[in-house]
């Protein structure tokens, strides 16, 4: 089953999801499995967002 969960809270998304997609202006900036995305962000947006955890 697929559930799309929209949040502006990175910590909440990290607790709730096994896969995360960051959007910027409606376009995917980066997506991947939660541990990979939080542990090794590639995009500038992802690095900025994960710095808040």
N, C-alpha and C. Protein backbone atom coordinates (compact mmCIF):
# COMPACT_ATOMS: atom_id res chain seq x y z
N UNK A 1 0.85 -1.17 0.00
CA UNK A 1 0.00 0.00 0.00
C UNK A 1 0.89 1.23 0.00
N UNK A 2 0.56 2.20 -0.80
CA UNK A 2 1.28 3.46 -0.90
C UNK A 2 0.51 4.54 -0.17
N UNK A 3 1.22 5.26 0.69
CA UNK A 3 0.63 6.40 1.38
C UNK A 3 1.54 7.59 1.12
N UNK A 4 0.97 8.68 0.66
CA UNK A 4 1.75 9.91 0.47
C UNK A 4 1.48 10.80 1.66
N UNK A 5 2.56 11.14 2.36
CA UNK A 5 2.50 11.93 3.58
C UNK A 5 3.28 13.22 3.31
N UNK A 6 2.61 14.36 3.39
CA UNK A 6 3.24 15.64 3.12
C UNK A 6 3.54 16.32 4.45
N UNK A 7 4.79 16.76 4.62
CA UNK A 7 5.17 17.39 5.87
C UNK A 7 6.27 18.42 5.61
N UNK A 8 6.29 19.46 6.42
CA UNK A 8 7.39 20.42 6.41
C UNK A 8 8.32 20.15 7.58
N UNK A 9 8.07 19.08 8.32
CA UNK A 9 8.87 18.71 9.49
C UNK A 9 9.73 17.50 9.14
N UNK A 10 11.03 17.72 8.95
CA UNK A 10 11.94 16.65 8.54
C UNK A 10 12.00 15.54 9.58
N UNK A 11 12.01 15.89 10.84
CA UNK A 11 12.06 14.87 11.90
C UNK A 11 10.81 13.99 11.86
N UNK A 12 9.67 14.59 11.67
CA UNK A 12 8.42 13.83 11.60
C UNK A 12 8.44 12.90 10.39
N UNK A 13 8.89 13.40 9.26
CA UNK A 13 8.98 12.57 8.06
C UNK A 13 9.96 11.42 8.27
N UNK A 14 11.08 11.69 8.93
CA UNK A 14 12.09 10.65 9.17
C UNK A 14 11.53 9.54 10.05
N UNK A 15 10.71 9.88 11.01
CA UNK A 15 10.10 8.88 11.89
C UNK A 15 9.02 8.09 11.18
N UNK A 16 8.36 8.70 10.20
CA UNK A 16 7.17 8.10 9.61
C UNK A 16 7.40 7.39 8.28
N UNK A 17 8.49 7.69 7.59
CA UNK A 17 8.64 7.20 6.22
C UNK A 17 9.88 6.34 6.04
N UNK A 18 9.79 5.40 5.11
CA UNK A 18 10.98 4.62 4.75
C UNK A 18 11.58 5.12 3.45
N UNK A 19 10.92 6.11 2.83
CA UNK A 19 11.40 6.72 1.59
C UNK A 19 10.97 8.18 1.62
N UNK A 20 11.88 9.10 1.29
CA UNK A 20 11.57 10.53 1.34
C UNK A 20 11.88 11.16 -0.02
N UNK A 21 11.06 12.12 -0.39
CA UNK A 21 11.28 12.91 -1.60
C UNK A 21 11.18 14.38 -1.19
N UNK A 22 12.27 15.12 -1.40
CA UNK A 22 12.25 16.56 -1.15
C UNK A 22 11.83 17.26 -2.42
N UNK A 23 10.89 18.18 -2.31
CA UNK A 23 10.42 18.95 -3.46
C UNK A 23 10.86 20.40 -3.33
N UNK A 24 11.21 20.98 -4.45
CA UNK A 24 11.51 22.42 -4.51
C UNK A 24 10.74 22.96 -5.71
N UNK A 25 9.83 23.88 -5.45
CA UNK A 25 8.98 24.46 -6.49
C UNK A 25 8.21 23.38 -7.26
N UNK A 26 7.80 22.34 -6.54
CA UNK A 26 7.00 21.29 -7.13
C UNK A 26 7.78 20.25 -7.92
N UNK A 27 9.11 20.35 -7.90
CA UNK A 27 9.97 19.41 -8.63
C UNK A 27 10.84 18.67 -7.63
N UNK A 28 11.04 17.39 -7.86
CA UNK A 28 11.87 16.59 -6.96
C UNK A 28 13.31 17.10 -6.96
N UNK A 29 13.80 17.49 -5.78
CA UNK A 29 15.19 17.92 -5.62
C UNK A 29 16.07 16.72 -5.31
N UNK A 30 15.53 15.76 -4.56
CA UNK A 30 16.24 14.53 -4.21
C UNK A 30 15.26 13.56 -3.59
N UNK A 31 15.46 12.28 -3.83
CA UNK A 31 14.61 11.27 -3.23
C UNK A 31 15.42 10.01 -3.01
N UNK A 32 14.97 9.23 -2.02
CA UNK A 32 15.64 7.97 -1.75
C UNK A 32 15.19 7.39 -0.42
N UNK A 33 15.78 6.23 -0.06
CA UNK A 33 15.47 5.62 1.23
C UNK A 33 15.86 6.58 2.36
N UNK A 34 15.04 6.63 3.37
CA UNK A 34 15.25 7.58 4.47
C UNK A 34 16.66 7.54 5.05
N UNK A 35 17.22 6.36 5.41
CA UNK A 35 18.57 6.37 5.99
C UNK A 35 19.63 6.95 5.05
N UNK A 36 19.53 6.65 3.77
CA UNK A 36 20.49 7.17 2.79
C UNK A 36 20.35 8.67 2.63
N UNK A 37 19.11 9.12 2.52
CA UNK A 37 18.87 10.54 2.29
C UNK A 37 19.30 11.38 3.49
N UNK A 38 19.03 10.89 4.69
CA UNK A 38 19.41 11.66 5.88
C UNK A 38 20.90 11.53 6.19
N UNK A 39 21.48 10.38 5.88
CA UNK A 39 22.88 10.14 6.20
C UNK A 39 23.87 10.67 5.19
N UNK A 40 23.42 10.82 3.93
CA UNK A 40 24.34 11.25 2.88
C UNK A 40 23.58 12.07 1.83
N UNK A 41 23.08 13.25 2.22
CA UNK A 41 22.31 14.06 1.28
C UNK A 41 23.19 14.57 0.15
N UNK A 42 22.65 14.58 -1.06
CA UNK A 42 23.41 15.00 -2.25
C UNK A 42 23.13 16.45 -2.66
N UNK A 43 21.89 16.85 -2.61
CA UNK A 43 21.54 18.20 -3.07
C UNK A 43 21.74 19.23 -1.96
N UNK A 44 21.91 20.48 -2.39
CA UNK A 44 22.07 21.57 -1.43
C UNK A 44 20.83 21.69 -0.54
N UNK A 45 19.64 21.54 -1.13
CA UNK A 45 18.40 21.59 -0.35
C UNK A 45 18.38 20.50 0.71
N UNK A 46 18.73 19.29 0.33
CA UNK A 46 18.74 18.17 1.28
C UNK A 46 19.73 18.39 2.41
N UNK A 47 20.91 18.90 2.08
CA UNK A 47 21.91 19.18 3.12
C UNK A 47 21.39 20.24 4.08
N UNK A 48 20.74 21.26 3.55
CA UNK A 48 20.19 22.32 4.40
C UNK A 48 19.08 21.76 5.29
N UNK A 49 18.17 20.96 4.72
CA UNK A 49 17.07 20.39 5.49
C UNK A 49 17.55 19.42 6.55
N UNK A 50 18.50 18.55 6.22
CA UNK A 50 18.97 17.57 7.19
C UNK A 50 19.83 18.21 8.27
N UNK A 51 20.33 19.40 8.03
CA UNK A 51 21.05 20.13 9.07
C UNK A 51 20.15 20.55 10.21
N UNK A 52 18.83 20.48 9.98
CA UNK A 52 17.87 20.89 11.02
C UNK A 52 17.55 19.74 11.98
N UNK A 53 18.05 18.53 11.70
CA UNK A 53 17.76 17.39 12.59
C UNK A 53 18.77 17.34 13.70
